[in-house]
């Protein structure tokens, strides 16, 4: 049947003839509708897959980044630990007021309180989780130190050093060691300044932070200008490396994170007991949580008349 026969038959049936152009338009419209539906469905599928991929990458990145913040423990036998300890004791340049275990005191002899607990903070200045916790907790620790409610020590490590960061962890840690020795009262303020939001560099996308900038940050924290300028001389770089190696082998510092038992930063100890903290969670209440853990009301912070709850054996009774 040709087109003329079709038209004649439609006229006999009393129906409107459908011309070829109209037939094509209807067919095209139907095809376009189906195509649009397929395209929308395909876009939705692609979007869903993209969301899943991004979420997976975030999870993997968090795990990878956190794993970067554990010490590479090649050997942690008693013999290896003893050797690392001896190397730390006999390093050529060592801060005069450092502890035998590598702690940098943030208090002077006059500020030391034998009735107060010792709080040790283990951190790396390139570690984002250390910065996250420090910005929430360390202002409170500083107030407690100033009121002689605690004896605050910093154990600054350098296992995040890379050629790309130009040994940033070592440079800053060595500077803190120098300040701890020569301007002790401003040690904690300098540490907090290094973790200041906007100053602490990004571990994974490091942008150069010069020694001059670190010096200015120290002065901003109240460190004496002459001490701040001398602090970046690298005098204690080897000491920091030896202390990091020793800490990495101290099993009393080990915690289990994501199935891995190792030394991680940040780590906080109170009279030898690790204070448990979830750095992946909400840290906005960490200061109040810490105070509660040591038997103090948050409103008592900064008041020298109140001390943490110490048990009869000299150990904090609320941290087991």
Protein backbone atom coordinates (compact mmCIF):
# COMPACT_ATOMS: atom_id res chain seq x y z
CA UNK A 1 0.00 0.00 0.00
CA UNK A 2 1.38 3.43 -0.97
CA UNK A 3 0.69 6.78 0.72
CA UNK A 4 -2.19 7.66 -1.64
CA UNK A 5 -3.98 4.39 -0.93
CA UNK A 6 -3.60 5.05 2.79
CA UNK A 7 -5.15 8.51 2.48
CA UNK A 8 -8.07 7.23 0.37
CA UNK A 9 -8.82 4.46 2.85
CA UNK A 10 -8.80 6.95 5.77
CA UNK A 11 -11.20 9.24 3.86
CA UNK A 12 -13.59 6.31 3.32
CA UNK A 13 -13.42 5.47 7.05
CA UNK A 14 -14.18 9.09 7.96
CA UNK A 15 -10.89 9.58 9.77
CA UNK A 16 -8.43 12.40 9.34
CA UNK A 17 -5.51 11.38 7.20
CA UNK A 18 -2.18 11.39 9.07
CA UNK A 19 0.43 12.86 6.83
CA UNK A 20 4.00 11.60 6.75
CA UNK A 21 5.52 14.70 8.45
CA UNK A 22 3.09 14.44 11.35
CA UNK A 23 3.80 10.72 11.74
CA UNK A 24 7.51 11.44 11.92
CA UNK A 25 7.00 14.23 14.49
CA UNK A 26 4.96 11.97 16.77
CA UNK A 27 7.53 9.19 16.49
CA UNK A 28 10.35 11.60 17.24
CA UNK A 29 8.53 13.06 20.24
CA UNK A 30 7.96 9.57 21.63
CA UNK A 31 11.61 8.70 21.06
CA UNK A 32 12.77 11.95 22.69
CA UNK A 33 10.60 11.25 25.74
CA UNK A 34 12.04 7.79 26.15
CA UNK A 35 15.57 9.14 25.60
CA UNK A 36 15.10 11.84 28.27
CA UNK A 37 13.84 9.27 30.75
CA UNK A 38 16.83 7.03 30.04
CA UNK A 39 19.21 9.99 30.40
CA UNK A 40 17.66 11.08 33.71
CA UNK A 41 17.86 7.52 35.01
CA UNK A 42 21.48 7.26 33.88
CA UNK A 43 22.34 10.58 35.56
CA UNK A 44 20.76 9.43 38.82
CA UNK A 45 22.72 6.18 38.70
CA UNK A 46 25.97 8.04 38.01
CA UNK A 47 25.25 10.50 40.84
CA UNK A 48 24.57 7.66 43.29
CA UNK A 49 27.76 5.88 42.30
CA UNK A 50 29.73 9.12 42.67
CA UNK A 51 28.38 9.68 46.20
CA UNK A 52 29.36 6.13 47.17
CA UNK A 53 32.85 6.55 45.71
CA UNK A 54 33.41 9.89 47.48
CA UNK A 55 32.22 8.45 50.81
CA UNK A 56 34.54 5.48 50.37
CA UNK A 57 37.47 7.75 49.57
CA UNK A 58 36.79 9.83 52.70
CA UNK A 59 36.78 6.70 54.86
CA UNK A 60 39.95 5.31 53.26
CA UNK A 61 41.68 8.70 53.53
CA UNK A 62 40.80 8.98 57.23
CA UNK A 63 42.23 5.53 57.87
CA UNK A 64 45.35 6.28 55.83
CA UNK A 65 45.92 9.65 57.48
CA UNK A 66 45.40 8.20 60.96
CA UNK A 67 47.79 5.37 60.20
CA UNK A 68 50.37 8.00 59.30
CA UNK A 69 50.16 9.18 62.88
CA UNK A 70 51.38 5.95 64.39
CA UNK A 71 55.03 5.33 64.98
CA UNK A 72 56.79 2.92 62.66
CA UNK A 73 57.75 0.33 65.23
CA UNK A 74 60.39 -1.87 63.68
CA UNK A 75 61.30 -3.51 66.97
CA UNK A 76 59.93 -3.03 70.47
CA UNK A 77 61.71 -5.73 72.45
CA UNK A 78 62.99 -4.94 75.96
CA UNK A 79 66.53 -4.86 74.56
CA UNK A 80 65.56 -2.39 71.81
CA UNK A 81 63.72 -0.22 74.33
CA UNK A 82 66.72 -0.16 76.66
CA UNK A 83 69.02 0.76 73.79
CA UNK A 84 66.75 3.63 72.71
CA UNK A 85 66.59 4.88 76.28
CA UNK A 86 70.37 4.94 76.58
CA UNK A 87 70.70 6.79 73.28
CA UNK A 88 68.27 9.40 74.56
CA UNK A 89 70.23 9.84 77.79
CA UNK A 90 73.55 10.28 75.98
CA UNK A 91 72.50 12.54 73.11
CA UNK A 92 74.98 15.40 72.71
CA UNK A 93 72.52 18.29 73.14
CA UNK A 94 69.69 17.82 75.60
CA UNK A 95 67.41 20.47 77.17
CA UNK A 96 68.48 21.02 80.76
CA UNK A 97 64.95 20.76 82.14
CA UNK A 98 63.83 17.73 80.12
CA UNK A 99 62.71 14.57 81.91
CA UNK A 100 64.58 11.31 81.51
CA UNK A 101 61.77 10.05 79.27
CA UNK A 102 61.94 13.01 76.92
CA UNK A 103 59.25 15.21 78.40
CA UNK A 104 59.58 18.98 78.02
CA UNK A 105 58.42 20.65 81.21
CA UNK A 106 56.00 23.54 80.84
CA UNK A 107 56.50 24.53 84.47
CA UNK A 108 59.38 25.99 86.44
CA UNK A 109 60.68 24.61 89.71
CA UNK A 110 58.61 27.21 91.54
CA UNK A 111 55.47 26.18 89.65
CA UNK A 112 55.86 22.46 90.31
CA UNK A 113 53.23 21.06 92.65
CA UNK A 114 54.10 17.67 94.21
CA UNK A 115 50.43 17.18 95.12
CA UNK A 116 49.21 17.63 91.56
CA UNK A 117 49.22 14.96 88.84
CA UNK A 118 51.56 15.03 85.87
CA UNK A 119 49.84 15.40 82.52
CA UNK A 120 51.86 14.26 79.50
CA UNK A 121 50.82 15.34 76.01
CA UNK A 122 52.30 13.40 73.08
CA UNK A 123 51.90 15.18 69.75
CA UNK A 124 53.38 15.99 66.36
CA UNK A 125 53.01 19.55 65.08
CA UNK A 126 52.05 18.36 61.60
CA UNK A 127 49.38 15.98 62.90
CA UNK A 128 45.86 17.32 62.12
CA UNK A 129 44.28 15.25 64.89
CA UNK A 130 46.78 16.70 67.38
CA UNK A 131 45.77 20.17 66.25
CA UNK A 132 42.09 19.32 66.48
CA UNK A 133 42.45 18.15 70.09
CA UNK A 134 44.93 20.84 71.10
CA UNK A 135 42.65 23.67 70.03
CA UNK A 136 39.89 22.31 72.26
CA UNK A 137 41.84 21.04 75.26
CA UNK A 138 45.15 22.87 75.67
CA UNK A 139 43.72 26.25 76.75
CA UNK A 140 42.22 24.38 79.71
CA UNK A 141 45.50 22.59 80.42
CA UNK A 142 47.28 25.95 80.39
CA UNK A 143 44.83 27.37 82.96
CA UNK A 144 45.34 24.31 85.14
CA UNK A 145 49.12 24.63 84.87
CA UNK A 146 49.03 28.32 85.77
CA UNK A 147 46.95 27.45 88.86
CA UNK A 148 49.34 24.60 89.76
CA UNK A 149 46.52 22.08 89.44
CA UNK A 150 48.66 19.90 87.14
CA UNK A 151 52.30 19.54 86.14
CA UNK A 152 52.23 19.79 82.34
CA UNK A 153 54.78 18.09 80.08
CA UNK A 154 54.98 17.95 76.29
CA UNK A 155 56.45 15.00 74.42
CA UNK A 156 56.83 16.38 70.90
CA UNK A 157 57.71 13.86 68.19
CA UNK A 158 58.75 14.03 64.55
CA UNK A 159 57.56 10.87 62.82
CA UNK A 160 55.55 12.91 60.28
CA UNK A 161 58.70 14.50 58.86
CA UNK A 162 59.06 14.28 55.09
CA UNK A 163 61.36 15.95 52.55
CA UNK A 164 58.29 17.76 51.23
CA UNK A 165 57.61 19.32 54.66
CA UNK A 166 61.27 20.33 54.99
CA UNK A 167 61.42 18.52 58.35
CA UNK A 168 58.68 20.74 59.78
CA UNK A 169 57.95 18.40 62.70
CA UNK A 170 61.60 18.40 63.77
CA UNK A 171 62.05 22.15 63.32
CA UNK A 172 59.04 23.02 65.47
CA UNK A 173 59.68 20.32 68.08
CA UNK A 174 63.30 21.42 68.46
CA UNK A 175 62.13 25.01 68.84
CA UNK A 176 59.70 24.00 71.61
CA UNK A 177 62.52 22.14 73.38
CA UNK A 178 64.64 25.30 73.27
CA UNK A 179 61.80 27.48 74.59
CA UNK A 180 61.09 24.93 77.33
CA UNK A 181 64.65 25.36 78.54
CA UNK A 182 65.06 29.14 78.12
CA UNK A 183 61.55 30.55 78.59
CA UNK A 184 59.68 27.76 80.35
CA UNK A 185 56.62 29.78 81.33
CA UNK A 186 55.72 30.36 77.67
CA UNK A 187 56.17 26.76 76.52
CA UNK A 188 52.49 25.87 76.60
CA UNK A 189 51.48 29.10 74.88
CA UNK A 190 54.01 28.46 72.11
CA UNK A 191 52.73 24.91 71.63
CA UNK A 192 49.17 26.19 71.33
CA UNK A 193 50.29 28.85 68.86
CA UNK A 194 51.82 26.20 66.60
CA UNK A 195 48.44 24.43 66.47
CA UNK A 196 46.54 27.66 65.85
CA UNK A 197 43.94 27.30 63.11
CA UNK A 198 45.28 29.08 60.05
CA UNK A 199 48.90 28.51 61.08
CA UNK A 200 49.25 24.75 61.38
CA UNK A 201 50.10 23.49 57.87
CA UNK A 202 48.15 20.77 56.08
CA UNK A 203 49.91 17.44 56.40
CA UNK A 204 48.82 16.18 52.98
CA UNK A 205 49.14 19.48 51.09
CA UNK A 206 52.07 21.06 52.86
CA UNK A 207 52.83 24.69 52.06
CA UNK A 208 56.19 25.90 53.21
CA UNK A 209 56.38 27.44 56.68
CA UNK A 210 59.68 29.24 57.09
CA UNK A 211 61.70 29.47 60.28
CA UNK A 212 60.97 33.20 60.34
CA UNK A 213 57.22 32.52 60.49
CA UNK A 214 57.72 30.05 63.33
CA UNK A 215 59.84 32.64 65.15
CA UNK A 216 57.10 35.26 64.78
CA UNK A 217 54.53 32.77 66.06
CA UNK A 218 56.68 32.21 69.15
CA UNK A 219 56.94 35.95 69.80
CA UNK A 220 53.17 36.24 69.33
CA UNK A 221 52.79 33.59 72.06
CA UNK A 222 54.82 35.71 74.47
CA UNK A 223 58.23 34.07 74.05
CA UNK A 224 61.10 36.49 74.57
CA UNK A 225 62.28 37.74 71.12
CA UNK A 226 65.90 36.69 71.66
CA UNK A 227 64.79 33.20 72.74
CA UNK A 228 62.35 32.93 69.84
CA UNK A 229 65.04 33.80 67.30
CA UNK A 230 67.55 31.33 68.77
CA UNK A 231 64.94 28.56 69.07
CA UNK A 232 65.11 27.73 65.36
CA UNK A 233 68.81 26.92 65.43
CA UNK A 234 68.08 23.18 65.29
CA UNK A 235 70.11 22.51 68.43
CA UNK A 236 67.75 19.80 69.66
CA UNK A 237 66.89 18.11 66.37
CA UNK A 238 68.82 14.95 67.25
CA UNK A 239 67.30 14.94 70.72
CA UNK A 240 63.78 15.02 69.24
CA UNK A 241 64.62 12.14 66.90
CA UNK A 242 66.00 10.05 69.78
CA UNK A 243 62.97 10.85 71.95
CA UNK A 244 60.60 9.88 69.13
CA UNK A 245 62.37 6.57 68.65
CA UNK A 246 62.20 5.88 72.39
CA UNK A 247 58.48 6.75 72.61
CA UNK A 248 57.69 4.48 69.67
CA UNK A 249 59.02 1.50 71.64
CA UNK A 250 57.31 2.25 74.97
CA UNK A 251 54.48 -0.25 75.13
CA UNK A 252 52.82 1.64 77.98
CA UNK A 253 52.01 4.28 75.35
CA UNK A 254 50.36 1.85 72.95
CA UNK A 255 46.67 2.06 72.16
CA UNK A 256 44.55 0.11 69.68
CA UNK A 257 43.06 2.10 66.82
CA UNK A 258 41.26 0.48 63.90
CA UNK A 259 42.74 -2.89 64.82
CA UNK A 260 46.33 -1.64 65.08
CA UNK A 261 48.13 -1.69 68.43
CA UNK A 262 50.83 0.96 68.39
CA UNK A 263 51.92 4.39 69.59
CA UNK A 264 49.72 7.09 68.10
CA UNK A 265 49.46 10.84 68.32
CA UNK A 266 47.78 12.49 70.02
CA UNK A 267 48.14 10.59 73.28
CA UNK A 268 47.49 12.05 76.73
CA UNK A 269 48.51 10.43 80.01
CA UNK A 270 47.64 11.43 83.55
CA UNK A 271 50.03 10.04 86.15
CA UNK A 272 50.95 7.24 83.77
CA UNK A 273 47.36 6.39 82.75
CA UNK A 274 46.23 7.00 79.18
CA UNK A 275 43.21 9.27 78.93
CA UNK A 276 40.95 7.73 76.27
CA UNK A 277 39.84 10.17 73.57
CA UNK A 278 38.08 9.59 70.25
CA UNK A 279 39.80 11.99 67.86
CA UNK A 280 37.38 10.96 65.09
CA UNK A 281 34.43 12.15 67.16
CA UNK A 282 33.16 15.49 68.42
CA UNK A 283 35.91 17.10 70.50
CA UNK A 284 34.01 20.27 71.37
CA UNK A 285 33.37 18.95 74.90
CA UNK A 286 36.80 17.40 75.42
CA UNK A 287 37.87 19.99 78.02
CA UNK A 288 34.86 19.30 80.24
CA UNK A 289 35.23 15.57 79.69
CA UNK A 290 38.89 15.71 80.72
CA UNK A 291 38.04 17.65 83.87
CA UNK A 292 35.38 15.12 84.76
CA UNK A 293 37.85 12.30 84.21
CA UNK A 294 40.20 13.71 86.83
CA UNK A 295 37.51 14.52 89.36
CA UNK A 296 37.21 18.26 88.82
CA UNK A 297 34.20 20.36 87.98
CA UNK A 298 34.86 22.56 84.97
CA UNK A 299 34.08 25.65 87.07
CA UNK A 300 36.97 24.70 89.37
CA UNK A 301 39.55 25.00 86.59
CA UNK A 302 42.03 27.74 87.34
CA UNK A 303 41.28 27.72 91.06
CA UNK A 304 44.35 26.55 93.02
CA UNK A 305 42.14 25.57 95.96
CA UNK A 306 40.89 22.56 93.98
CA UNK A 307 43.11 19.68 92.88
CA UNK A 308 42.30 16.56 90.83
CA UNK A 309 41.05 13.54 92.78
CA UNK A 310 44.15 11.56 93.70
CA UNK A 311 43.70 8.10 95.19
CA UNK A 312 45.60 6.86 98.27
CA UNK A 313 48.12 5.07 96.08
CA UNK A 314 48.99 8.27 94.22
CA UNK A 315 47.03 7.29 91.13
CA UNK A 316 44.01 9.12 89.81
CA UNK A 317 41.11 7.15 91.19
CA UNK A 318 38.79 7.92 88.28
CA UNK A 319 41.12 6.80 85.49
CA UNK A 320 41.72 3.06 85.46
